[in-house]
Each structure stands twice: as structure tokens, then as C-alpha cells.
Amino acid sequence: MTAYILRRLLQMVPVVLGITLIVFLLVRASGDPVAIMLPDDASQEQIDLLRRSLGLDRPVMEQYFVYLGNLLQGDFGMSLRFRNQSAFEITIERLPATLQLAGAALLVAVLISLPAGIVAATNRNRWPDRVASTLSVIGEAMPNFWLGIMLILIFGVQLGWFPVSGRGTPAHVIMPAFALGTALAALLTRLMRSSLLEVLNQDYVRTATAKGLRRRTVLTKHALRNGLLSYVTVLGLQVASLMAGAVVTEQVFAWPGIGLLAIQAINSRDMAIIQTVVIVASVVVMLANLLVDLLYSLIDPRIQYA
């Protein structure tokens, strides 16, 4: 197991290097940050001086290798928007808020989809199945920003049950988590239903039923565990979607995470912050996928990693 984890961690290195190159080139292609930093009446001499001080007068690939060398030394650059603070420190300071939001959204999705999918599968073509399927389609069709606005208007403004912005108490995370996790819950409900139906039609499940085992025992000890494999697979793959969706959700609820930080950095063309946010988010997604792979061995002991 240890060798497998180390091998997976080493495999992340070229992926991270590729991400640094892509985001570096995209940021450089988006525009000149000097135009944002200096007033409109700045002289050409001032522009050239600032470009030289930032290293922007060098060829792009030379800039990249300088940037990569700094990364290997732990230097992610200085933020232009936040008065020359370390981009890495600012991003890491905001990261727990995004992880809290993504974790809460993931919890919401699992708590809704797991029982809903099981109920739908065990009541195929009956009203619980139809209700779950209809709500799943509606949930997948709703954009998270629209749902967030509706939650704010109904439960925040009209009813006053929850705070509408910021991050201070556990109540602050409820509406953002539902806004971000609803679409995932809808997707996982349909997946759990289809996976469980497929397993319930297997011969070994029919054999267990024919032996006189109770329906609950057949479901929990024989069908559910195998049905969870594809469920957990998609759950891990959707971590990237949660991180991407957090950008919009954090903007709607003024949630102080790296998603909101990324929007602020894009608006001010803060290259160091943009690059750092993308790299950190990518590493989080890859670590989450590794964790999901390790969970397989807990769900199904037949799966072993060498």
C-alpha cells in the first residue's frame, strides 16, 4: 500500500508541471498586468521600468523557467493586488474555507443521494422511484448560481432563517452547501439507482434471496457494497466539479475561499494569485482522487494495491 501511494504521488509531479505550464501561458495570453497597475497617463519609461522589474520584458519561455525555478524553491510569487504579500500564503489562508464548503456540499450530496437511490432502486417503477427520478432531473437542470440566489431570497431575506453571506458560524455554510451539492446529489441519486438495479439482477443476489435471507440483509450485505463501487468512483471524479462550482457559489454567497479569491485575482490580473490558486486546486483534486482509490480496498477487500 505504501509503495502504491508513493508511486501515485510521483505520478502527480509531471501532471503538476504540465498544469503550471498551461496556466502560465494562459495567464500571459490574457493581457498585460502592467496596464492594470499603472494609470492611463503613465509614460512609456514607467511602463518599461515596471515590466523590467517584474521580468515581463524577457521571452515567455524564459519567464516560465524562472517561474518554475522559483516554484521549486517554494516561491509562488508576490501578489500585486494584496500589496506584495506571498501568493501562496494568501491562497493557503483561503483554502480551508473552500475545503469546508466542498466538504459540506459533498456531505449534502451523499446524505441525499444514497438513501434516495436505494429507495428508488428497491421500488422500481413505483411512485418513490418516479419521485426520485423526477427530482433528480430537476436537480441536475438547475444552475448552482440560480439555486443560490433562490435560497438567499427565500430562506435568507424573506424567512430570515440563515445568514446570506460570509463565513462565521455553522449556519453560514448551510445554504452554500445546498446550492453547490444539489446537482451532485441529483447525479449520484440516478447513479446509485442504476448501479443497485444492476447488482440486484445478478445471480448471487437471486441465490441469496432464494435461500430465505431477509430483504434488508440481501441489500446491505450482498448488493449495496458492490453497488457502491461505481458510486464512489463518480464521487471522486466529481471533486473537480465541486472545486469549479465553488468559484460561482463563493461569488454568490461572498464565501471567502479560493474561488472568490480567483475571481478577484482575474479582475485585477494578479498573475501570481491566479497561478497559485490553479496549482493548489489541482493538487487538492489529485489527492482526493488518490483517497477515493484507497477507499476501494475498504469497500471491496478483494481490491489490493501493490
C-alpha atoms as a PDB file:
ATOM      1  CA  MET A   1       0.000   0.000   0.000  1.00  0.00           C
ATOM      2  CA  THR A   2       2.811   2.417   0.902  1.00  0.00           C
ATOM      3  CA  ALA A   3       4.605   1.719  -2.375  1.00  0.00           C
ATOM      4  CA  TYR A   4       1.377   2.361  -4.287  1.00  0.00           C
ATOM      5  CA  ILE A   5       0.826   5.698  -2.531  1.00  0.00           C
ATOM      6  CA  LEU A   6       4.402   6.795  -3.218  1.00  0.00           C
ATOM      7  CA  ARG A   7       4.069   5.770  -6.872  1.00  0.00           C
ATOM      8  CA  ARG A   8       0.854   7.757  -7.228  1.00  0.00           C
ATOM      9  CA  LEU A   9       2.433  10.797  -5.595  1.00  0.00           C
ATOM     10  CA  LEU A  10       5.368  10.606  -8.004  1.00  0.00           C
ATOM     11  CA  GLN A  11       2.947  10.360 -10.934  1.00  0.00           C
ATOM     12  CA  MET A  12       1.436  13.664  -9.837  1.00  0.00           C
ATOM     13  CA  VAL A  13       4.716  15.512 -10.428  1.00  0.00           C
ATOM     14  CA  PRO A  14       4.595  15.622 -14.276  1.00  0.00           C
ATOM     15  CA  VAL A  15       0.878  16.447 -14.119  1.00  0.00           C
ATOM     16  CA  VAL A  16       1.556  19.424 -11.855  1.00  0.00           C
ATOM     17  CA  LEU A  17       4.391  20.548 -14.144  1.00  0.00           C
ATOM     18  CA  GLY A  18       2.046  20.405 -17.129  1.00  0.00           C
ATOM     19  CA  ILE A  19      -0.554  22.411 -15.223  1.00  0.00           C
ATOM     20  CA  THR A  20       1.997  25.080 -14.324  1.00  0.00           C
ATOM     21  CA  LEU A  21       2.952  25.467 -17.994  1.00  0.00           C
ATOM     22  CA  ILE A  22      -0.650  25.654 -19.230  1.00  0.00           C
ATOM     23  CA  VAL A  23      -1.824  28.158 -16.633  1.00  0.00           C
ATOM     24  CA  PHE A  24       1.349  30.223 -17.083  1.00  0.00           C
ATOM     25  CA  LEU A  25       0.787  30.539 -20.838  1.00  0.00           C
ATOM     26  CA  LEU A  26      -2.943  31.247 -20.444  1.00  0.00           C
ATOM     27  CA  VAL A  27      -2.326  33.977 -17.890  1.00  0.00           C
ATOM     28  CA  ARG A  28       0.312  35.591 -20.095  1.00  0.00           C
ATOM     29  CA  ALA A  29      -2.048  35.461 -23.086  1.00  0.00           C
ATOM     30  CA  SER A  30      -4.881  37.175 -21.188  1.00  0.00           C
ATOM     31  CA  GLY A  31      -3.347  40.641 -21.199  1.00  0.00           C
ATOM     32  CA  ASP A  32      -0.668  42.891 -19.775  1.00  0.00           C
ATOM     33  CA  PRO A  33      -0.872  43.280 -15.963  1.00  0.00           C
ATOM     34  CA  VAL A  34       1.216  46.438 -16.215  1.00  0.00           C
ATOM     35  CA  ALA A  35      -1.747  48.145 -17.893  1.00  0.00           C
ATOM     36  CA  ILE A  36      -3.786  47.500 -14.730  1.00  0.00           C
ATOM     37  CA  MET A  37      -1.089  48.504 -12.282  1.00  0.00           C
ATOM     38  CA  LEU A  38      -0.223  51.855 -13.843  1.00  0.00           C
ATOM     39  CA  PRO A  39      -2.531  54.811 -14.524  1.00  0.00           C
ATOM     40  CA  ASP A  40      -3.637  55.605 -18.066  1.00  0.00           C
ATOM     41  CA  ASP A  41      -1.303  58.595 -18.280  1.00  0.00           C
ATOM     42  CA  ALA A  42       1.826  56.590 -17.369  1.00  0.00           C
ATOM     43  CA  SER A  43       4.818  57.261 -19.575  1.00  0.00           C
ATOM     44  CA  GLN A  44       6.457  54.611 -21.716  1.00  0.00           C
ATOM     45  CA  GLU A  45       9.517  54.856 -19.498  1.00  0.00           C
ATOM     46  CA  GLN A  46       7.451  53.967 -16.424  1.00  0.00           C
ATOM     47  CA  ILE A  47       5.845  51.060 -18.275  1.00  0.00           C
ATOM     48  CA  ASP A  48       9.221  49.693 -19.412  1.00  0.00           C
ATOM     49  CA  LEU A  49      10.664  50.084 -15.916  1.00  0.00           C
ATOM     50  CA  LEU A  50       7.817  48.139 -14.297  1.00  0.00           C
ATOM     51  CA  ARG A  51       7.969  45.423 -16.950  1.00  0.00           C
ATOM     52  CA  ARG A  52      11.688  45.073 -16.333  1.00  0.00           C
ATOM     53  CA  SER A  53      11.236  44.881 -12.556  1.00  0.00           C
ATOM     54  CA  LEU A  54       8.606  42.142 -12.962  1.00  0.00           C
ATOM     55  CA  GLY A  55      10.664  40.247 -15.533  1.00  0.00           C
ATOM     56  CA  LEU A  56       7.993  40.703 -18.206  1.00  0.00           C
ATOM     57  CA  ASP A  57      10.500  42.023 -20.733  1.00  0.00           C
ATOM     58  CA  ARG A  58      12.038  38.556 -21.151  1.00  0.00           C
ATOM     59  CA  PRO A  59      10.878  35.875 -23.636  1.00  0.00           C
ATOM     60  CA  VAL A  60       7.839  33.954 -22.407  1.00  0.00           C
ATOM     61  CA  MET A  61       9.570  30.579 -22.047  1.00  0.00           C
ATOM     62  CA  GLU A  62      12.446  32.185 -20.185  1.00  0.00           C
ATOM     63  CA  GLN A  63       9.876  33.727 -17.831  1.00  0.00           C
ATOM     64  CA  TYR A  64       8.351  30.279 -17.348  1.00  0.00           C
ATOM     65  CA  PHE A  65      11.621  28.581 -16.439  1.00  0.00           C
ATOM     66  CA  VAL A  66      12.410  31.375 -13.983  1.00  0.00           C
ATOM     67  CA  TYR A  67       8.931  30.915 -12.507  1.00  0.00           C
ATOM     68  CA  LEU A  68       9.389  27.127 -12.351  1.00  0.00           C
ATOM     69  CA  GLY A  69      12.735  27.537 -10.620  1.00  0.00           C
ATOM     70  CA  ASN A  70      11.122  29.784  -8.044  1.00  0.00           C
ATOM     71  CA  LEU A  71       8.328  27.230  -7.523  1.00  0.00           C
ATOM     72  CA  LEU A  72      10.866  24.512  -6.762  1.00  0.00           C
ATOM     73  CA  GLN A  73      12.212  26.787  -4.033  1.00  0.00           C
ATOM     74  CA  GLY A  74       8.738  27.357  -2.600  1.00  0.00           C
ATOM     75  CA  ASP A  75       8.378  30.846  -4.072  1.00  0.00           C
ATOM     76  CA  PHE A  76       4.996  31.220  -5.793  1.00  0.00           C
ATOM     77  CA  GLY A  77       5.462  34.926  -6.367  1.00  0.00           C
ATOM     78  CA  MET A  78       4.103  38.064  -4.749  1.00  0.00           C
ATOM     79  CA  SER A  79       0.538  39.275  -5.119  1.00  0.00           C
ATOM     80  CA  LEU A  80       0.048  42.565  -6.943  1.00  0.00           C
ATOM     81  CA  ARG A  81      -3.444  43.122  -5.544  1.00  0.00           C
ATOM     82  CA  PHE A  82      -2.666  42.367  -1.904  1.00  0.00           C
ATOM     83  CA  ARG A  83       0.279  44.729  -1.537  1.00  0.00           C
ATOM     84  CA  ASN A  84       3.062  42.298  -2.353  1.00  0.00           C
ATOM     85  CA  GLN A  85       2.014  39.564   0.070  1.00  0.00           C
ATOM     86  CA  SER A  86       3.014  35.983  -0.715  1.00  0.00           C
ATOM     87  CA  ALA A  87       0.566  34.460  -3.206  1.00  0.00           C
ATOM     88  CA  PHE A  88       0.982  31.037  -1.609  1.00  0.00           C
ATOM     89  CA  GLU A  89       0.268  32.290   1.909  1.00  0.00           C
ATOM     90  CA  ILE A  90      -2.858  34.134   0.749  1.00  0.00           C
ATOM     91  CA  THR A  91      -4.130  31.061  -1.118  1.00  0.00           C
ATOM     92  CA  ILE A  92      -3.438  28.660   1.761  1.00  0.00           C
ATOM     93  CA  GLU A  93      -5.185  31.075   4.125  1.00  0.00           C
ATOM     94  CA  ARG A  94      -8.330  30.915   1.956  1.00  0.00           C
ATOM     95  CA  LEU A  95      -8.120  27.172   1.184  1.00  0.00           C
ATOM     96  CA  PRO A  96      -9.796  25.907   4.417  1.00  0.00           C
ATOM     97  CA  ALA A  97     -12.941  27.890   3.578  1.00  0.00           C
ATOM     98  CA  THR A  98     -13.215  26.225   0.165  1.00  0.00           C
ATOM     99  CA  LEU A  99     -12.490  22.781   1.612  1.00  0.00           C
ATOM    100  CA  GLN A 100     -15.186  23.364   4.228  1.00  0.00           C
ATOM    101  CA  LEU A 101     -17.691  24.356   1.556  1.00  0.00           C
ATOM    102  CA  ALA A 102     -16.772  21.478  -0.772  1.00  0.00           C
ATOM    103  CA  GLY A 103     -16.847  19.001   2.117  1.00  0.00           C
ATOM    104  CA  ALA A 104     -20.250  20.236   3.274  1.00  0.00           C
ATOM    105  CA  ALA A 105     -21.594  20.063  -0.297  1.00  0.00           C
ATOM    106  CA  LEU A 106     -20.223  16.529  -0.629  1.00  0.00           C
ATOM    107  CA  LEU A 107     -21.906  15.556   2.640  1.00  0.00           C
ATOM    108  CA  VAL A 108     -25.206  17.032   1.451  1.00  0.00           C
ATOM    109  CA  ALA A 109     -24.931  15.128  -1.829  1.00  0.00           C
ATOM    110  CA  VAL A 110     -24.198  11.801  -0.112  1.00  0.00           C
ATOM    111  CA  LEU A 111     -26.890  12.189   2.567  1.00  0.00           C
ATOM    112  CA  ILE A 112     -29.494  12.894  -0.119  1.00  0.00           C
ATOM    113  CA  SER A 113     -28.398  10.596  -2.940  1.00  0.00           C
ATOM    114  CA  LEU A 114     -27.567   7.420  -1.044  1.00  0.00           C
ATOM    115  CA  PRO A 115     -30.973   6.831   0.593  1.00  0.00           C
ATOM    116  CA  ALA A 116     -32.837   8.295  -2.395  1.00  0.00           C
ATOM    117  CA  GLY A 117     -31.029   5.989  -4.826  1.00  0.00           C
ATOM    118  CA  ILE A 118     -31.618   2.940  -2.643  1.00  0.00           C
ATOM    119  CA  VAL A 119     -35.319   3.720  -2.206  1.00  0.00           C
ATOM    120  CA  ALA A 120     -35.712   4.311  -5.950  1.00  0.00           C
ATOM    121  CA  ALA A 121     -33.967   1.041  -6.844  1.00  0.00           C
ATOM    122  CA  THR A 122     -35.914  -1.070  -4.358  1.00  0.00           C
ATOM    123  CA  ASN A 123     -39.214   0.463  -5.505  1.00  0.00           C
ATOM    124  CA  ARG A 124     -38.631   0.309  -9.244  1.00  0.00           C
ATOM    125  CA  ASN A 125     -41.436   1.760 -11.387  1.00  0.00           C
ATOM    126  CA  ARG A 126     -43.438   2.739  -8.313  1.00  0.00           C
ATOM    127  CA  TRP A 127     -44.128   6.227  -7.002  1.00  0.00           C
ATOM    128  CA  PRO A 128     -40.917   6.557  -4.873  1.00  0.00           C
ATOM    129  CA  ASP A 129     -38.872   5.730  -7.970  1.00  0.00           C
ATOM    130  CA  ARG A 130     -40.784   8.230 -10.104  1.00  0.00           C
ATOM    131  CA  VAL A 131     -40.466  10.989  -7.490  1.00  0.00           C
ATOM    132  CA  ALA A 132     -36.725  10.402  -7.058  1.00  0.00           C
ATOM    133  CA  SER A 133     -36.134  10.296 -10.826  1.00  0.00           C
ATOM    134  CA  THR A 134     -38.137  13.487 -11.434  1.00  0.00           C
ATOM    135  CA  LEU A 135     -36.382  15.391  -8.661  1.00  0.00           C
ATOM    136  CA  SER A 136     -33.022  14.156  -9.968  1.00  0.00           C
ATOM    137  CA  VAL A 137     -33.697  15.578 -13.424  1.00  0.00           C
ATOM    138  CA  ILE A 138     -34.803  18.893 -11.913  1.00  0.00           C
ATOM    139  CA  GLY A 139     -31.764  18.992  -9.630  1.00  0.00           C
ATOM    140  CA  GLU A 140     -29.327  18.423 -12.486  1.00  0.00           C
ATOM    141  CA  ALA A 141     -31.033  21.101 -14.602  1.00  0.00           C
ATOM    142  CA  MET A 142     -30.752  23.874 -12.004  1.00  0.00           C
ATOM    143  CA  PRO A 143     -27.607  26.047 -12.222  1.00  0.00           C
ATOM    144  CA  ASN A 144     -25.993  26.384  -8.806  1.00  0.00           C
ATOM    145  CA  PHE A 145     -25.867  30.190  -9.024  1.00  0.00           C
ATOM    146  CA  TRP A 146     -29.636  30.356  -9.699  1.00  0.00           C
ATOM    147  CA  LEU A 147     -30.355  27.959  -6.853  1.00  0.00           C
ATOM    148  CA  GLY A 148     -28.093  30.016  -4.595  1.00  0.00           C
ATOM    149  CA  ILE A 149     -29.975  33.208  -5.412  1.00  0.00           C
ATOM    150  CA  MET A 150     -33.325  31.490  -4.768  1.00  0.00           C
ATOM    151  CA  LEU A 151     -32.091  30.172  -1.417  1.00  0.00           C
ATOM    152  CA  ILE A 152     -30.930  33.656  -0.439  1.00  0.00           C
ATOM    153  CA  LEU A 153     -34.256  35.255  -1.415  1.00  0.00           C
ATOM    154  CA  ILE A 154     -36.436  32.642   0.310  1.00  0.00           C
ATOM    155  CA  PHE A 155     -34.522  31.413   3.356  1.00  0.00           C
ATOM    156  CA  GLY A 156     -32.248  34.394   3.889  1.00  0.00           C
ATOM    157  CA  VAL A 157     -34.244  37.514   3.015  1.00  0.00           C
ATOM    158  CA  GLN A 158     -37.914  36.519   3.380  1.00  0.00           C
ATOM    159  CA  LEU A 159     -37.760  33.922   6.167  1.00  0.00           C
ATOM    160  CA  GLY A 160     -34.513  35.067   7.762  1.00  0.00           C
ATOM    161  CA  TRP A 161     -33.523  31.538   8.759  1.00  0.00           C
ATOM    162  CA  PHE A 162     -29.923  31.639   7.552  1.00  0.00           C
ATOM    163  CA  PRO A 163     -27.252  34.319   7.002  1.00  0.00           C
ATOM    164  CA  VAL A 164     -26.916  35.249   3.340  1.00  0.00           C
ATOM    165  CA  SER A 165     -23.179  35.925   3.075  1.00  0.00           C
ATOM    166  CA  GLY A 166     -19.826  35.469   4.739  1.00  0.00           C
ATOM    167  CA  ARG A 167     -18.365  32.692   6.842  1.00  0.00           C
ATOM    168  CA  GLY A 168     -18.617  32.855  10.603  1.00  0.00           C
ATOM    169  CA  THR A 169     -20.902  30.224  12.085  1.00  0.00           C
ATOM    170  CA  PRO A 170     -22.036  26.733  11.011  1.00  0.00           C
ATOM    171  CA  ALA A 171     -25.283  28.322   9.809  1.00  0.00           C
ATOM    172  CA  HIS A 172     -23.347  30.274   7.163  1.00  0.00           C
ATOM    173  CA  VAL A 173     -22.372  27.096   5.298  1.00  0.00           C
ATOM    174  CA  ILE A 174     -25.854  25.550   5.011  1.00  0.00           C
ATOM    175  CA  MET A 175     -27.204  27.461   2.006  1.00  0.00           C
ATOM    176  CA  PRO A 176     -23.911  27.488   0.033  1.00  0.00           C
ATOM    177  CA  ALA A 177     -23.525  23.746   0.637  1.00  0.00           C
ATOM    178  CA  PHE A 178     -27.040  23.016  -0.638  1.00  0.00           C
ATOM    179  CA  ALA A 179     -26.532  25.284  -3.651  1.00  0.00           C
ATOM    180  CA  LEU A 180     -23.281  23.542  -4.546  1.00  0.00           C
ATOM    181  CA  GLY A 181     -24.287  19.986  -3.633  1.00  0.00           C
ATOM    182  CA  THR A 182     -27.769  19.727  -5.150  1.00  0.00           C
ATOM    183  CA  ALA A 183     -26.679  18.968  -8.721  1.00  0.00           C
ATOM    184  CA  LEU A 184     -24.197  16.380  -7.462  1.00  0.00           C
ATOM    185  CA  ALA A 185     -26.900  14.804  -5.287  1.00  0.00           C
ATOM    186  CA  ALA A 186     -29.158  14.506  -8.332  1.00  0.00           C
ATOM    187  CA  LEU A 187     -26.411  12.881 -10.404  1.00  0.00           C
ATOM    188  CA  LEU A 188     -25.456  10.440  -7.646  1.00  0.00           C
ATOM    189  CA  THR A 189     -29.093   9.505  -6.990  1.00  0.00           C
ATOM    190  CA  ARG A 190     -29.543   8.341 -10.576  1.00  0.00           C
ATOM    191  CA  LEU A 191     -26.179   6.577 -10.496  1.00  0.00           C
ATOM    192  CA  MET A 192     -26.947   4.787  -7.216  1.00  0.00           C
ATOM    193  CA  ARG A 193     -30.312   3.676  -8.579  1.00  0.00           C
ATOM    194  CA  SER A 194     -28.900   2.268 -11.820  1.00  0.00           C
ATOM    195  CA  SER A 195     -25.909   0.611 -10.105  1.00  0.00           C
ATOM    196  CA  LEU A 196     -28.067  -1.027  -7.458  1.00  0.00           C
ATOM    197  CA  LEU A 197     -30.608  -2.242 -10.018  1.00  0.00           C
ATOM    198  CA  GLU A 198     -27.809  -3.861 -11.993  1.00  0.00           C
ATOM    199  CA  VAL A 199     -26.467  -5.605  -8.885  1.00  0.00           C
ATOM    200  CA  LEU A 200     -29.926  -6.746  -7.756  1.00  0.00           C
ATOM    201  CA  ASN A 201     -30.308  -8.605 -11.060  1.00  0.00           C
ATOM    202  CA  GLN A 202     -27.109 -10.612 -10.529  1.00  0.00           C
ATOM    203  CA  ASP A 203     -27.303 -14.359  -9.900  1.00  0.00           C
ATOM    204  CA  TYR A 204     -25.663 -14.261  -6.473  1.00  0.00           C
ATOM    205  CA  VAL A 205     -28.308 -11.810  -5.236  1.00  0.00           C
ATOM    206  CA  ARG A 206     -31.091 -14.057  -6.525  1.00  0.00           C
ATOM    207  CA  THR A 207     -29.403 -17.008  -4.806  1.00  0.00           C
ATOM    208  CA  ALA A 208     -29.229 -15.144  -1.503  1.00  0.00           C
ATOM    209  CA  THR A 209     -32.910 -14.279  -1.811  1.00  0.00           C
ATOM    210  CA  ALA A 210     -33.807 -17.878  -2.680  1.00  0.00           C
ATOM    211  CA  LYS A 211     -32.039 -19.081   0.474  1.00  0.00           C
ATOM    212  CA  GLY A 212     -34.590 -17.169   2.508  1.00  0.00           C
ATOM    213  CA  LEU A 213     -32.456 -14.234   3.635  1.00  0.00           C
ATOM    214  CA  ARG A 214     -34.356 -11.137   4.602  1.00  0.00           C
ATOM    215  CA  ARG A 215     -34.587  -8.371   2.020  1.00  0.00           C
ATOM    216  CA  ARG A 216     -32.640  -5.958   4.213  1.00  0.00           C
ATOM    217  CA  THR A 217     -29.838  -8.490   4.706  1.00  0.00           C
ATOM    218  CA  VAL A 218     -29.597  -9.158   0.971  1.00  0.00           C
ATOM    219  CA  LEU A 219     -29.496  -5.437   0.281  1.00  0.00           C
ATOM    220  CA  THR A 220     -26.934  -4.418   2.906  1.00  0.00           C
ATOM    221  CA  LYS A 221     -24.588  -7.416   2.866  1.00  0.00           C
ATOM    222  CA  HIS A 222     -24.702  -8.507  -0.762  1.00  0.00           C
ATOM    223  CA  ALA A 223     -25.992  -5.805  -3.102  1.00  0.00           C
ATOM    224  CA  LEU A 224     -25.099  -2.446  -1.602  1.00  0.00           C
ATOM    225  CA  ARG A 225     -21.357  -2.975  -1.254  1.00  0.00           C
ATOM    226  CA  ASN A 226     -20.904  -3.851  -4.936  1.00  0.00           C
ATOM    227  CA  GLY A 227     -23.265  -1.080  -5.966  1.00  0.00           C
ATOM    228  CA  LEU A 228     -21.137   1.450  -4.103  1.00  0.00           C
ATOM    229  CA  LEU A 229     -18.035   0.893  -6.257  1.00  0.00           C
ATOM    230  CA  SER A 230     -19.241   2.928  -9.235  1.00  0.00           C
ATOM    231  CA  TYR A 231     -20.864   5.396  -6.823  1.00  0.00           C
ATOM    232  CA  VAL A 232     -17.539   6.092  -5.096  1.00  0.00           C
ATOM    233  CA  THR A 233     -15.751   6.293  -8.462  1.00  0.00           C
ATOM    234  CA  VAL A 234     -18.005   9.074  -9.722  1.00  0.00           C
ATOM    235  CA  LEU A 235     -17.931  10.729  -6.305  1.00  0.00           C
ATOM    236  CA  GLY A 236     -14.163  11.063  -6.573  1.00  0.00           C
ATOM    237  CA  LEU A 237     -14.315  12.342 -10.134  1.00  0.00           C
ATOM    238  CA  GLN A 238     -16.849  14.989  -9.110  1.00  0.00           C
ATOM    239  CA  VAL A 239     -14.419  16.614  -6.655  1.00  0.00           C
ATOM    240  CA  ALA A 240     -13.057  18.622  -9.577  1.00  0.00           C
ATOM    241  CA  SER A 241     -16.587  19.774 -10.429  1.00  0.00           C
ATOM    242  CA  LEU A 242     -17.137  20.806  -6.813  1.00  0.00           C
ATOM    243  CA  MET A 243     -13.953  22.882  -6.855  1.00  0.00           C
ATOM    244  CA  ALA A 244     -15.042  24.510 -10.114  1.00  0.00           C
ATOM    245  CA  GLY A 245     -18.584  25.079  -8.862  1.00  0.00           C
ATOM    246  CA  ALA A 246     -17.218  26.628  -5.686  1.00  0.00           C
ATOM    247  CA  VAL A 247     -15.951  29.564  -7.760  1.00  0.00           C
ATOM    248  CA  VAL A 248     -19.516  30.580  -8.659  1.00  0.00           C
ATOM    249  CA  THR A 249     -21.049  29.632  -5.307  1.00  0.00           C
ATOM    250  CA  GLU A 250     -18.462  31.599  -3.353  1.00  0.00           C
ATOM    251  CA  GLN A 251     -19.173  34.609  -5.528  1.00  0.00           C
ATOM    252  CA  VAL A 252     -22.939  34.372  -4.863  1.00  0.00           C
ATOM    253  CA  PHE A 253     -22.594  33.959  -1.091  1.00  0.00           C
ATOM    254  CA  ALA A 254     -19.430  36.084  -0.640  1.00  0.00           C
ATOM    255  CA  TRP A 255     -17.771  32.980   0.782  1.00  0.00           C
ATOM    256  CA  PRO A 256     -14.091  33.811   1.454  1.00  0.00           C
ATOM    257  CA  GLY A 257     -12.490  30.828  -0.276  1.00  0.00           C
ATOM    258  CA  ILE A 258     -10.059  30.389  -3.139  1.00  0.00           C
ATOM    259  CA  GLY A 259     -12.915  30.593  -5.664  1.00  0.00           C
ATOM    260  CA  LEU A 260     -13.743  34.154  -4.663  1.00  0.00           C
ATOM    261  CA  LEU A 261     -10.018  34.872  -4.465  1.00  0.00           C
ATOM    262  CA  ALA A 262      -9.584  33.625  -8.042  1.00  0.00           C
ATOM    263  CA  ILE A 263     -12.350  35.924  -9.329  1.00  0.00           C
ATOM    264  CA  GLN A 264     -10.771  38.899  -7.568  1.00  0.00           C
ATOM    265  CA  ALA A 265      -7.354  37.989  -8.970  1.00  0.00           C
ATOM    266  CA  ILE A 266      -8.712  37.631 -12.513  1.00  0.00           C
ATOM    267  CA  ASN A 267     -10.400  41.028 -12.336  1.00  0.00           C
ATOM    268  CA  SER A 268      -7.148  42.648 -11.220  1.00  0.00           C
ATOM    269  CA  ARG A 269      -4.918  40.426 -13.399  1.00  0.00           C
ATOM    270  CA  ASP A 270      -2.973  39.276 -10.364  1.00  0.00           C
ATOM    271  CA  MET A 271      -0.934  36.621 -12.146  1.00  0.00           C
ATOM    272  CA  ALA A 272       0.726  35.160  -9.062  1.00  0.00           C
ATOM    273  CA  ILE A 273      -2.588  34.560  -7.284  1.00  0.00           C
ATOM    274  CA  ILE A 274      -4.272  33.066 -10.376  1.00  0.00           C
ATOM    275  CA  GLN A 275      -1.434  30.617 -10.971  1.00  0.00           C
ATOM    276  CA  THR A 276      -1.196  29.640  -7.305  1.00  0.00           C
ATOM    277  CA  VAL A 277      -4.946  29.044  -6.959  1.00  0.00           C
ATOM    278  CA  VAL A 278      -4.992  26.767 -10.024  1.00  0.00           C
ATOM    279  CA  ILE A 279      -1.973  24.776  -8.849  1.00  0.00           C
ATOM    280  CA  VAL A 280      -3.277  24.348  -5.291  1.00  0.00           C
ATOM    281  CA  ALA A 281      -6.765  23.376  -6.509  1.00  0.00           C
ATOM    282  CA  SER A 282      -5.260  20.842  -8.928  1.00  0.00           C
ATOM    283  CA  VAL A 283      -3.218  19.220  -6.162  1.00  0.00           C
ATOM    284  CA  VAL A 284      -6.320  19.023  -3.944  1.00  0.00           C
ATOM    285  CA  VAL A 285      -8.264  17.272  -6.722  1.00  0.00           C
ATOM    286  CA  MET A 286      -5.468  14.769  -7.374  1.00  0.00           C
ATOM    287  CA  LEU A 287      -5.146  13.968  -3.662  1.00  0.00           C
ATOM    288  CA  ALA A 288      -8.916  13.479  -3.463  1.00  0.00           C
ATOM    289  CA  ASN A 289      -8.782  11.014  -6.366  1.00  0.00           C
ATOM    290  CA  LEU A 290      -5.980   9.136  -4.604  1.00  0.00           C
ATOM    291  CA  LEU A 291      -8.100   8.960  -1.453  1.00  0.00           C
ATOM    292  CA  VAL A 292     -11.015   7.537  -3.450  1.00  0.00           C
ATOM    293  CA  ASP A 293      -8.772   4.837  -4.905  1.00  0.00           C
ATOM    294  CA  LEU A 294      -7.712   3.877  -1.386  1.00  0.00           C
ATOM    295  CA  LEU A 295     -11.353   3.690  -0.300  1.00  0.00           C
ATOM    296  CA  TYR A 296     -11.937   0.944  -2.870  1.00  0.00           C
ATOM    297  CA  SER A 297      -9.969  -1.516  -0.744  1.00  0.00           C
ATOM    298  CA  LEU A 298     -12.204  -0.735   2.239  1.00  0.00           C
ATOM    299  CA  ILE A 299     -15.419  -1.215   0.270  1.00  0.00           C
ATOM    300  CA  ASP A 300     -14.216  -4.341  -1.528  1.00  0.00           C
ATOM    301  CA  PRO A 301     -11.399  -6.265   0.256  1.00  0.00           C
ATOM    302  CA  ARG A 302     -10.688  -8.134  -2.991  1.00  0.00           C
ATOM    303  CA  ILE A 303      -9.093  -4.955  -4.349  1.00  0.00           C
ATOM    304  CA  GLN A 304      -5.489  -4.758  -3.233  1.00  0.00           C
ATOM    305  CA  TYR A 305      -2.798  -2.260  -4.218  1.00  0.00           C
ATOM    306  CA  ALA A 306       0.789  -3.377  -4.549  1.00  0.00           C
END
